């Protein structure tokens, strides 16, 4: 394998639905820096998260494995280094690996494939959101975690943290530029925006007058009936109720978009330093996020659903040999493991042959038109496992114990018309279910996840003890204690 780049720079945001960006055609979102990155590189228009929640998605990004393989099911069972990560592979090849910012693994002391972690963010106390593991059966209500207690103009610890992360990334790049003979290296930069709390400095909020913004689609109060699995999760979380009024809902949307623009500014600062210090020519830049955000669609907020608002992620590559183009192949965060190795000329080990991912650089050179997209969810608020598969045209949602959903992405990209019960689409639905079952046994995986979670809950005192603990939503950044509900 021939080395193509000396540096790989991964910029990973949190909860960024790619449709809220100029490069994706948004008429509202202002993201000039990410747009310039997209204009100079390759944009994967059908990129998906392996799971629409932080910890499982990030474990998949690290290991290149699906959630049912690494078994980090939720925000309390985090990556601990026992499975090899792409960083371990680079270390064994003599490539330096560092991180700055949010990782959301178990704890900094675990060997997760980084030579150094700067400003690291991991799950609280190595235990995380234990109450989210109580799913067998799911309680009637989650009790809330105060996700929308604060919204609107202001400055949060997350805003200050993201600026600090960008500063550290700039310092890292400048130091590397001052060492002309520096060996190959990879840097993972974990930014938090636009993740809640939906608090953003006033200048960014001013970009989005709430009364001018589009209203979310498929609102229940206008007659839309949610799928029963989605309804169960929504009544557990009650996030729409927590917002309470349409005025606060509009402010929440404006604040999210303000955070997207705040994020864009931090990305722009890092890219300006990269380009200005002379490293751009031999650096592969990857911009992505761990999952999306529902932002009020179907009366849902935050992530955790199989719809594209939750499961789609931005994925942009820029670097030498990467032509500007839009690639419609279905791709995933599990593809980053082989991509990073490929970019730095590191030959995969024998166990890597079993990984499901494929280098995005190779996908650009040789697209796979019929590649199947895949995502799964076993975490907070879910009464049973949910799975998603998608081919070139159709997207299928499988809910254990519930009826499925089917959408025609060509005719209905917003996923507004469920075709699962349509006789004309029976063969499509059955074909996608068959492809899902060729990959795994949905019922067996659901049972495996719940068994793992039940053991963890028992180890922490049992169901009632765990449910009685104070709850927190946003994971604190360094030097900050978690706010309890």
Protein backbone atom coordinates (compact mmCIF):
# COMPACT_ATOMS: atom_id res chain seq x y z
CA UNK A 1 0.00 0.00 0.00
CA UNK A 2 1.45 3.38 -1.02
CA UNK A 3 1.32 6.25 1.41
CA UNK A 4 -0.83 9.06 0.05
CA UNK A 5 -0.74 11.54 2.94
CA UNK A 6 1.56 12.33 5.85
CA UNK A 7 -1.24 13.61 8.08
CA UNK A 8 -4.87 12.67 8.63
CA UNK A 9 -7.05 15.27 10.34
CA UNK A 10 -10.47 14.06 11.49
CA UNK A 11 -12.90 16.80 12.52
CA UNK A 12 -15.88 15.21 14.25
CA UNK A 13 -18.84 17.26 15.43
CA UNK A 14 -21.74 15.98 17.53
CA UNK A 15 -25.38 15.74 16.41
CA UNK A 16 -25.03 17.51 13.04
CA UNK A 17 -27.73 16.54 10.57
CA UNK A 18 -26.00 17.21 7.22
CA UNK A 19 -29.10 18.76 5.72
CA UNK A 20 -28.47 21.76 7.99
CA UNK A 21 -25.50 22.93 5.94
CA UNK A 22 -25.10 24.99 2.82
CA UNK A 23 -23.24 22.26 0.92
CA UNK A 24 -26.31 20.01 1.28
CA UNK A 25 -28.59 22.63 -0.20
CA UNK A 26 -30.02 24.14 2.97
CA UNK A 27 -31.56 27.55 2.18
CA UNK A 28 -31.23 28.54 5.85
CA UNK A 29 -28.06 27.18 7.47
CA UNK A 30 -24.95 29.35 7.17
CA UNK A 31 -21.85 27.17 7.02
CA UNK A 32 -19.35 28.93 4.73
CA UNK A 33 -16.26 27.10 6.03
CA UNK A 34 -17.67 23.59 5.80
CA UNK A 35 -19.11 24.55 2.40
CA UNK A 36 -15.62 25.52 1.18
CA UNK A 37 -14.29 22.22 2.44
CA UNK A 38 -17.01 20.39 0.50
CA UNK A 39 -16.38 22.46 -2.63
CA UNK A 40 -12.72 21.39 -2.60
CA UNK A 41 -13.29 17.70 -1.89
CA UNK A 42 -15.63 14.73 -2.06
CA UNK A 43 -19.03 14.74 -0.38
CA UNK A 44 -20.69 11.44 0.45
CA UNK A 45 -24.38 12.21 0.09
CA UNK A 46 -25.57 8.94 1.65
CA UNK A 47 -23.48 8.63 4.77
CA UNK A 48 -25.03 7.02 7.85
CA UNK A 49 -24.18 6.50 11.49
CA UNK A 50 -23.96 2.91 12.79
CA UNK A 51 -26.23 4.01 15.66
CA UNK A 52 -28.04 7.31 16.27
CA UNK A 53 -26.61 7.95 19.74
CA UNK A 54 -23.17 9.10 20.86
CA UNK A 55 -21.35 6.25 22.61
CA UNK A 56 -22.32 3.32 20.31
CA UNK A 57 -21.61 5.41 17.19
CA UNK A 58 -18.19 6.45 18.45
CA UNK A 59 -17.30 2.89 19.42
CA UNK A 60 -18.09 1.87 15.84
CA UNK A 61 -16.00 4.72 14.45
CA UNK A 62 -13.08 3.56 16.60
CA UNK A 63 -13.30 -0.18 15.96
CA UNK A 64 -14.78 -0.30 12.48
CA UNK A 65 -17.41 -2.73 13.79
CA UNK A 66 -21.19 -2.65 14.05
CA UNK A 67 -22.80 -2.11 17.44
CA UNK A 68 -23.99 -5.71 17.72
CA UNK A 69 -20.36 -6.75 17.24
CA UNK A 70 -18.63 -4.46 19.77
CA UNK A 71 -21.66 -4.52 22.15
CA UNK A 72 -21.36 -0.92 23.32
CA UNK A 73 -25.14 -0.68 23.19
CA UNK A 74 -25.86 2.65 24.86
CA UNK A 75 -24.43 5.64 26.70
CA UNK A 76 -23.36 3.53 29.67
CA UNK A 77 -21.39 0.80 27.89
CA UNK A 78 -18.50 2.61 26.22
CA UNK A 79 -15.45 1.64 24.20
CA UNK A 80 -12.65 0.51 26.53
CA UNK A 81 -9.89 -0.51 24.12
CA UNK A 82 -10.33 -4.27 24.33
CA UNK A 83 -11.15 -4.43 20.62
CA UNK A 84 -8.47 -2.93 18.35
CA UNK A 85 -9.12 0.58 17.06
CA UNK A 86 -7.67 2.27 14.00
CA UNK A 87 -5.34 4.11 16.39
CA UNK A 88 -3.84 0.84 17.61
CA UNK A 89 -3.11 -0.14 14.01
CA UNK A 90 -1.39 3.18 13.36
CA UNK A 91 0.66 2.93 16.56
CA UNK A 92 1.94 -0.49 15.56
CA UNK A 93 3.01 0.98 12.23
CA UNK A 94 4.92 3.79 13.93
CA UNK A 95 2.38 6.50 13.15
CA UNK A 96 1.66 9.09 15.86
CA UNK A 97 -1.96 9.29 17.03
CA UNK A 98 -3.44 12.03 19.20
CA UNK A 99 -6.89 13.34 20.09
CA UNK A 100 -8.21 16.70 21.17
CA UNK A 101 -11.70 17.01 22.58
CA UNK A 102 -14.67 14.68 22.84
CA UNK A 103 -14.15 10.94 22.39
CA UNK A 104 -16.92 9.57 24.66
CA UNK A 105 -15.12 6.32 25.50
CA UNK A 106 -15.10 4.72 28.95
CA UNK A 107 -12.21 6.57 30.56
CA UNK A 108 -8.93 8.27 29.66
CA UNK A 109 -6.87 5.57 31.40
CA UNK A 110 -7.98 2.89 28.92
CA UNK A 111 -5.67 2.12 26.01
CA UNK A 112 -7.92 3.20 23.13
CA UNK A 113 -5.23 3.80 20.54
CA UNK A 114 -3.99 7.33 21.25
CA UNK A 115 -0.48 8.36 22.22
CA UNK A 116 -1.97 11.41 23.95
CA UNK A 117 -5.50 12.66 24.68
CA UNK A 118 -5.91 16.42 25.12
CA UNK A 119 -9.08 17.90 26.68
CA UNK A 120 -10.56 14.41 26.63
CA UNK A 121 -14.28 13.91 27.28
CA UNK A 122 -15.52 10.46 28.28
CA UNK A 123 -18.66 9.07 29.91
CA UNK A 124 -19.20 10.28 33.46
CA UNK A 125 -17.27 8.25 36.02
CA UNK A 126 -16.74 5.42 33.54
CA UNK A 127 -20.43 4.56 34.03
CA UNK A 128 -22.38 7.13 32.01
CA UNK A 129 -26.17 7.17 31.73
CA UNK A 130 -26.96 3.96 33.58
CA UNK A 131 -30.68 4.74 33.73
CA UNK A 132 -30.83 4.39 29.94
CA UNK A 133 -29.96 0.69 30.32
CA UNK A 134 -33.28 0.00 32.05
CA UNK A 135 -35.24 -1.29 29.05
CA UNK A 136 -36.47 -4.76 30.00
CA UNK A 137 -39.19 -3.68 30.40
CA UNK A 138 -38.97 0.01 29.56
CA UNK A 139 -40.36 2.27 32.31
CA UNK A 140 -43.46 4.30 31.51
CA UNK A 141 -41.48 7.54 31.55
CA UNK A 142 -37.83 8.48 31.54
CA UNK A 143 -38.33 11.23 34.08
CA UNK A 144 -36.41 13.75 32.01
CA UNK A 145 -32.81 14.91 32.19
CA UNK A 146 -33.35 18.64 31.74
CA UNK A 147 -32.12 18.72 28.14
CA UNK A 148 -34.01 21.93 27.35
CA UNK A 149 -33.87 23.66 30.69
CA UNK A 150 -31.69 26.32 29.04
CA UNK A 151 -32.11 27.37 25.43
CA UNK A 152 -31.34 30.53 23.51
CA UNK A 153 -28.69 33.21 23.75
CA UNK A 154 -25.80 32.79 26.15
CA UNK A 155 -22.53 30.97 26.50
CA UNK A 156 -22.28 27.41 27.77
CA UNK A 157 -19.36 25.34 28.98
CA UNK A 158 -19.64 23.49 25.66
CA UNK A 159 -19.17 26.72 23.67
CA UNK A 160 -16.04 27.57 25.66
CA UNK A 161 -14.82 24.00 25.34
CA UNK A 162 -15.18 23.96 21.55
CA UNK A 163 -13.19 27.16 21.23
CA UNK A 164 -10.50 25.62 23.42
CA UNK A 165 -10.47 22.44 21.34
CA UNK A 166 -10.05 24.48 18.16
CA UNK A 167 -7.22 26.44 19.79
CA UNK A 168 -5.44 23.20 20.78
CA UNK A 169 -5.88 21.78 17.28
CA UNK A 170 -4.39 24.93 15.76
CA UNK A 171 -1.42 24.72 18.14
CA UNK A 172 -0.92 21.06 17.18
CA UNK A 173 -0.89 21.90 13.48
CA UNK A 174 1.49 24.84 13.89
CA UNK A 175 3.88 22.73 15.96
CA UNK A 176 3.80 20.04 13.28
CA UNK A 177 4.49 22.61 10.56
CA UNK A 178 7.56 23.76 12.52
CA UNK A 179 8.98 20.22 12.32
CA UNK A 180 9.58 19.57 8.61
CA UNK A 181 10.77 16.00 9.16
CA UNK A 182 7.88 15.08 11.47
CA UNK A 183 6.80 11.45 11.02
CA UNK A 184 3.31 10.56 9.76
CA UNK A 185 0.52 11.31 12.22
CA UNK A 186 -3.23 11.35 12.73
CA UNK A 187 -5.21 13.83 14.82
CA UNK A 188 -8.82 13.32 15.92
CA UNK A 189 -10.57 16.57 16.87
CA UNK A 190 -13.86 16.10 18.75
CA UNK A 191 -16.08 19.21 18.78
CA UNK A 192 -19.38 19.16 20.68
CA UNK A 193 -21.63 21.58 18.78
CA UNK A 194 -24.43 21.47 17.77
CA UNK A 195 -25.19 19.02 20.61
CA UNK A 196 -27.51 20.33 23.33
CA UNK A 197 -27.69 22.35 25.57
CA UNK A 198 -29.14 24.61 22.89
CA UNK A 199 -27.31 27.66 24.20
CA UNK A 200 -25.30 29.77 21.75
CA UNK A 201 -23.66 33.21 21.80
CA UNK A 202 -26.01 35.95 20.64
CA UNK A 203 -24.29 36.79 17.31
CA UNK A 204 -24.89 33.25 16.02
CA UNK A 205 -28.48 33.20 17.23
CA UNK A 206 -29.07 36.52 15.49
CA UNK A 207 -28.43 34.78 12.16
CA UNK A 208 -31.68 32.86 12.59
CA UNK A 209 -34.73 34.92 13.59
CA UNK A 210 -37.03 32.20 14.98
CA UNK A 211 -40.17 33.47 13.24
CA UNK A 212 -38.52 33.13 9.81
CA UNK A 213 -37.53 29.46 10.13
CA UNK A 214 -39.39 26.54 8.52
CA UNK A 215 -41.68 24.65 10.89
CA UNK A 216 -40.89 20.95 11.46
CA UNK A 217 -42.72 18.40 9.34
CA UNK A 218 -45.23 15.75 10.46
CA UNK A 219 -46.23 17.30 13.75
CA UNK A 220 -48.62 15.12 15.81
CA UNK A 221 -50.85 18.08 16.68
CA UNK A 222 -51.70 18.45 12.99
CA UNK A 223 -52.90 14.85 12.71
CA UNK A 224 -49.70 12.91 12.03
CA UNK A 225 -49.76 9.51 13.76
CA UNK A 226 -46.34 8.28 14.85
CA UNK A 227 -45.24 4.70 14.35
CA UNK A 228 -45.99 2.77 17.61
CA UNK A 229 -42.29 2.18 18.39
CA UNK A 230 -41.56 5.87 17.84
CA UNK A 231 -44.62 6.84 19.90
CA UNK A 232 -43.41 4.67 22.78
CA UNK A 233 -39.99 6.26 22.72
CA UNK A 234 -41.42 9.77 22.43
CA UNK A 235 -43.72 9.27 25.40
CA UNK A 236 -40.76 7.94 27.38
CA UNK A 237 -38.53 10.94 26.61
CA UNK A 238 -41.26 13.65 26.45
CA UNK A 239 -38.81 16.16 24.98
CA UNK A 240 -41.50 17.98 23.00
CA UNK A 241 -43.46 18.40 26.22
CA UNK A 242 -40.35 19.71 27.95
CA UNK A 243 -40.11 22.51 25.38
CA UNK A 244 -43.77 23.22 26.04
CA UNK A 245 -44.68 26.06 23.68
CA UNK A 246 -44.27 26.78 19.98
CA UNK A 247 -42.28 29.88 20.90
CA UNK A 248 -39.72 27.74 22.74
CA UNK A 249 -39.73 25.18 19.92
CA UNK A 250 -38.89 27.90 17.40
CA UNK A 251 -36.16 29.18 19.69
CA UNK A 252 -34.76 25.65 20.00
CA UNK A 253 -34.56 25.35 16.20
CA UNK A 254 -32.87 28.74 15.92
CA UNK A 255 -30.43 27.83 18.69
CA UNK A 256 -29.51 24.54 17.00
CA UNK A 257 -28.85 26.37 13.73
CA UNK A 258 -26.85 28.99 15.63
CA UNK A 259 -24.73 26.18 17.07
CA UNK A 260 -24.21 24.81 13.55
CA UNK A 261 -22.80 28.21 12.53
CA UNK A 262 -20.73 28.36 15.72
CA UNK A 263 -19.37 24.90 14.86
CA UNK A 264 -18.63 26.07 11.32
CA UNK A 265 -16.53 28.92 12.67
CA UNK A 266 -14.41 26.54 14.78
CA UNK A 267 -13.92 24.22 11.80
CA UNK A 268 -12.96 27.24 9.71
CA UNK A 269 -10.36 28.36 12.23
CA UNK A 270 -8.70 24.92 12.21
CA UNK A 271 -8.76 24.68 8.42
CA UNK A 272 -7.32 28.19 8.06
CA UNK A 273 -4.41 27.18 10.27
CA UNK A 274 -3.89 23.98 8.28
CA UNK A 275 -3.90 25.82 4.97
CA UNK A 276 -1.84 28.72 6.28
CA UNK A 277 0.98 26.64 7.75
CA UNK A 278 1.69 24.66 4.60
CA UNK A 279 0.40 21.25 5.68
CA UNK A 280 -2.69 21.09 3.46
CA UNK A 281 -1.00 19.47 0.45
CA UNK A 282 -0.15 16.26 2.30
CA UNK A 283 -3.09 16.15 4.74
CA UNK A 284 -6.32 14.22 4.32
CA UNK A 285 -9.11 16.13 6.05
CA UNK A 286 -12.24 14.25 7.09
CA UNK A 287 -15.29 16.09 8.40
CA UNK A 288 -18.14 14.09 9.91
CA UNK A 289 -20.47 13.82 12.91
CA UNK A 290 -21.56 10.95 15.14
CA UNK A 291 -25.29 11.21 14.27
CA UNK A 292 -27.98 13.75 13.45
CA UNK A 293 -30.89 15.44 15.25
CA UNK A 294 -34.65 15.23 14.73
CA UNK A 295 -35.14 18.94 15.48
CA UNK A 296 -38.89 18.68 15.99
CA UNK A 297 -39.78 16.47 13.03
CA UNK A 298 -42.59 14.07 14.02
CA UNK A 299 -42.66 15.80 17.40
CA UNK A 300 -39.24 14.30 18.19
CA UNK A 301 -36.06 16.04 19.34
CA UNK A 302 -32.50 14.92 19.88
CA UNK A 303 -31.53 11.66 18.08
CA UNK A 304 -32.32 7.94 18.60
CA UNK A 305 -34.68 7.27 15.66
CA UNK A 306 -34.12 5.47 12.35
CA UNK A 307 -35.24 8.39 10.18
CA UNK A 308 -32.59 10.27 8.25
CA UNK A 309 -32.75 13.24 10.61
CA UNK A 310 -31.09 10.97 13.19
CA UNK A 311 -29.13 8.47 11.10
CA UNK A 312 -27.64 10.62 8.33
CA UNK A 313 -24.22 12.19 8.94
CA UNK A 314 -22.09 14.65 6.99
CA UNK A 315 -19.01 13.06 5.45
CA UNK A 316 -16.49 15.13 3.49
CA UNK A 317 -12.96 14.22 2.38
CA UNK A 318 -10.41 16.74 1.12
CA UNK A 319 -6.82 16.03 0.21
CA UNK A 320 -4.34 15.33 -2.54
CA UNK A 321 -5.84 13.04 -5.14
CA UNK A 322 -9.40 13.54 -3.87
CA UNK A 323 -11.36 15.10 -6.70
CA UNK A 324 -14.30 17.42 -6.05
CA UNK A 325 -17.44 15.36 -6.49
CA UNK A 326 -20.61 14.08 -4.87
CA UNK A 327 -20.57 10.32 -4.23
CA UNK A 328 -24.00 8.65 -3.83
CA UNK A 329 -22.69 5.30 -2.55
CA UNK A 330 -24.05 4.26 0.85
CA UNK A 331 -21.22 4.69 3.36
CA UNK A 332 -20.84 4.61 7.14
CA UNK A 333 -18.65 5.73 10.02
CA UNK A 334 -17.29 2.16 10.10
CA UNK A 335 -15.53 3.07 6.85
CA UNK A 336 -13.23 5.51 8.65
CA UNK A 337 -11.08 2.69 10.10
CA UNK A 338 -9.87 1.43 6.69
CA UNK A 339 -9.84 4.97 5.28
CA UNK A 340 -7.33 6.25 7.81
CA UNK A 341 -5.08 3.22 7.30
CA UNK A 342 -5.32 3.57 3.53
CA UNK A 343 -4.52 7.28 3.59
CA UNK A 344 -1.37 6.73 5.64
CA UNK A 345 -0.23 3.65 3.75
CA UNK A 346 -0.66 1.29 6.71
CA UNK A 347 -1.36 -2.28 5.66
CA UNK A 348 -4.33 -3.84 7.48
CA UNK A 349 -3.75 -6.79 9.81
CA UNK A 350 -5.37 -10.17 9.16
CA UNK A 351 -8.28 -9.51 11.60
CA UNK A 352 -9.14 -6.36 9.67
CA UNK A 353 -10.34 -8.52 6.79
CA UNK A 354 -13.48 -9.29 8.79
CA UNK A 355 -14.37 -5.63 9.28
CA UNK A 356 -17.43 -4.43 7.34
CA UNK A 357 -15.93 -1.10 6.27
CA UNK A 358 -14.20 -0.13 3.06
CA UNK A 359 -11.76 2.73 2.51
CA UNK A 360 -13.64 5.79 1.31
CA UNK A 361 -10.70 6.54 -0.96
CA UNK A 362 -11.28 3.21 -2.68
CA UNK A 363 -15.02 3.83 -2.83
CA UNK A 364 -14.33 7.09 -4.66
CA UNK A 365 -12.17 5.22 -7.16
CA UNK A 366 -14.53 2.25 -7.46
CA UNK A 367 -18.08 2.94 -6.22
CA UNK A 368 -20.36 0.12 -5.09
CA UNK A 369 -23.83 1.08 -6.36
CA UNK A 370 -25.71 -1.61 -4.44
CA UNK A 371 -23.95 -1.26 -1.10
CA UNK A 372 -26.38 -1.65 1.79
CA UNK A 373 -26.62 1.07 4.45
CA UNK A 374 -27.11 -0.15 8.01
CA UNK A 375 -27.84 1.31 11.44
CA UNK A 376 -29.20 -0.02 14.72
CA UNK A 377 -30.43 1.29 18.09
CA UNK A 378 -30.61 -0.39 21.52
CA UNK A 379 -30.40 2.56 23.88
CA UNK A 380 -32.35 5.11 25.91
CA UNK A 381 -36.12 5.02 25.45
CA UNK A 382 -36.28 2.03 23.13
CA UNK A 383 -38.71 -0.77 24.04
CA UNK A 384 -36.93 -3.11 21.61
CA UNK A 385 -34.14 -3.10 19.05
CA UNK A 386 -34.53 -0.98 15.92
CA UNK A 387 -32.63 -1.64 12.69
CA UNK A 388 -32.33 0.24 9.41
CA UNK A 389 -31.15 -0.97 6.01
CA UNK A 390 -31.22 1.00 2.77
CA UNK A 391 -30.29 0.20 -0.81
CA UNK A 392 -30.01 2.62 -3.73
CA UNK A 393 -33.69 3.58 -3.52
CA UNK A 394 -35.55 2.13 -0.55
CA UNK A 395 -35.05 2.44 3.19
CA UNK A 396 -36.46 -0.18 5.58
CA UNK A 397 -36.92 0.10 9.35
CA UNK A 398 -37.27 -3.10 11.37
CA UNK A 399 -38.57 -2.85 14.93
CA UNK A 400 -38.51 -6.04 17.00
CA UNK A 401 -42.08 -6.76 18.08
CA UNK A 402 -43.57 -3.96 15.95
CA UNK A 403 -44.57 -3.46 12.32
CA UNK A 404 -41.83 -2.26 9.96
CA UNK A 405 -41.59 0.95 7.92
CA UNK A 406 -40.55 1.36 4.29
CA UNK A 407 -39.73 4.56 2.41
CA UNK A 408 -38.99 5.31 -1.24
CA UNK A 409 -36.07 7.75 -1.02
CA UNK A 410 -36.32 8.65 -4.69
CA UNK A 411 -39.96 9.80 -4.54
CA UNK A 412 -40.07 10.63 -0.84
CA UNK A 413 -36.64 11.73 0.45
CA UNK A 414 -38.22 13.25 3.57
CA UNK A 415 -39.67 9.87 4.59
CA UNK A 416 -43.24 11.09 4.95
CA UNK A 417 -45.14 8.13 3.43
CA UNK A 418 -44.73 4.67 4.95
CA UNK A 419 -45.07 2.02 2.22
CA UNK A 420 -44.62 -1.06 4.42
CA UNK A 421 -48.28 -2.08 4.13
CA UNK A 422 -48.48 -1.37 0.39
CA UNK A 423 -49.16 -4.56 -1.63
CA UNK A 424 -47.24 -3.03 -4.53
CA UNK A 425 -44.11 -2.81 -2.35
CA UNK A 426 -44.35 -6.18 -0.64
CA UNK A 427 -41.44 -7.67 -2.62
CA UNK A 428 -39.23 -4.67 -1.80
CA UNK A 429 -40.06 -4.89 1.91
CA UNK A 430 -39.48 -8.63 2.07
CA UNK A 431 -36.25 -8.33 0.10
CA UNK A 432 -34.79 -5.74 2.47
CA UNK A 433 -35.90 -7.73 5.52
CA UNK A 434 -34.18 -10.77 4.03
CA UNK A 435 -30.97 -8.79 3.55
CA UNK A 436 -31.18 -7.62 7.16
CA UNK A 437 -31.64 -11.18 8.42
CA UNK A 438 -28.71 -12.36 6.32
CA UNK A 439 -26.60 -9.98 8.42
CA UNK A 440 -28.04 -10.77 11.87
CA UNK A 441 -30.93 -12.23 13.81
CA UNK A 442 -32.89 -9.16 15.03
CA UNK A 443 -34.60 -10.97 17.87
CA UNK A 444 -31.38 -12.58 19.10
CA UNK A 445 -29.50 -9.26 19.00
CA UNK A 446 -32.33 -7.57 20.91
CA UNK A 447 -32.07 -10.25 23.58
CA UNK A 448 -28.26 -10.00 23.71
CA UNK A 449 -28.38 -6.23 24.23
CA UNK A 450 -30.98 -6.46 26.99
CA UNK A 451 -29.09 -9.24 28.74
CA UNK A 452 -25.89 -7.17 28.74
CA UNK A 453 -27.78 -4.14 30.02
CA UNK A 454 -29.59 -6.15 32.70
CA UNK A 455 -26.27 -7.45 34.01
CA UNK A 456 -24.90 -3.92 34.18
CA UNK A 457 -27.97 -2.64 36.00
CA UNK A 458 -27.75 -5.54 38.49
CA UNK A 459 -24.07 -4.78 39.11
CA UNK A 460 -25.02 -1.20 40.09
CA UNK A 461 -27.67 -2.16 42.59
CA UNK A 462 -30.62 -3.15 40.48
CA UNK A 463 -33.42 -1.51 38.55
CA UNK A 464 -34.92 0.69 41.28
CA UNK A 465 -31.53 1.85 42.57
CA UNK A 466 -30.41 2.88 39.10
CA UNK A 467 -33.69 4.67 38.32
CA UNK A 468 -33.49 6.59 41.60
CA UNK A 469 -30.08 8.08 40.76
CA UNK A 470 -29.83 11.74 39.66
CA UNK A 471 -29.91 12.00 35.88
CA UNK A 472 -27.85 14.11 33.54
CA UNK A 473 -28.15 14.65 29.82
CA UNK A 474 -25.08 16.39 28.41
CA UNK A 475 -21.76 14.82 29.41
CA UNK A 476 -19.63 17.43 31.22
CA UNK A 477 -16.44 18.72 29.70
CA UNK A 478 -13.21 18.82 31.73
CA UNK A 479 -13.34 20.66 35.08
CA UNK A 480 -17.13 20.75 35.09
CA UNK A 481 -19.46 18.65 37.28
CA UNK A 482 -22.57 17.16 35.64
CA UNK A 483 -25.80 19.08 36.15
CA UNK A 484 -28.48 16.83 37.62
CA UNK A 485 -32.18 16.90 36.89
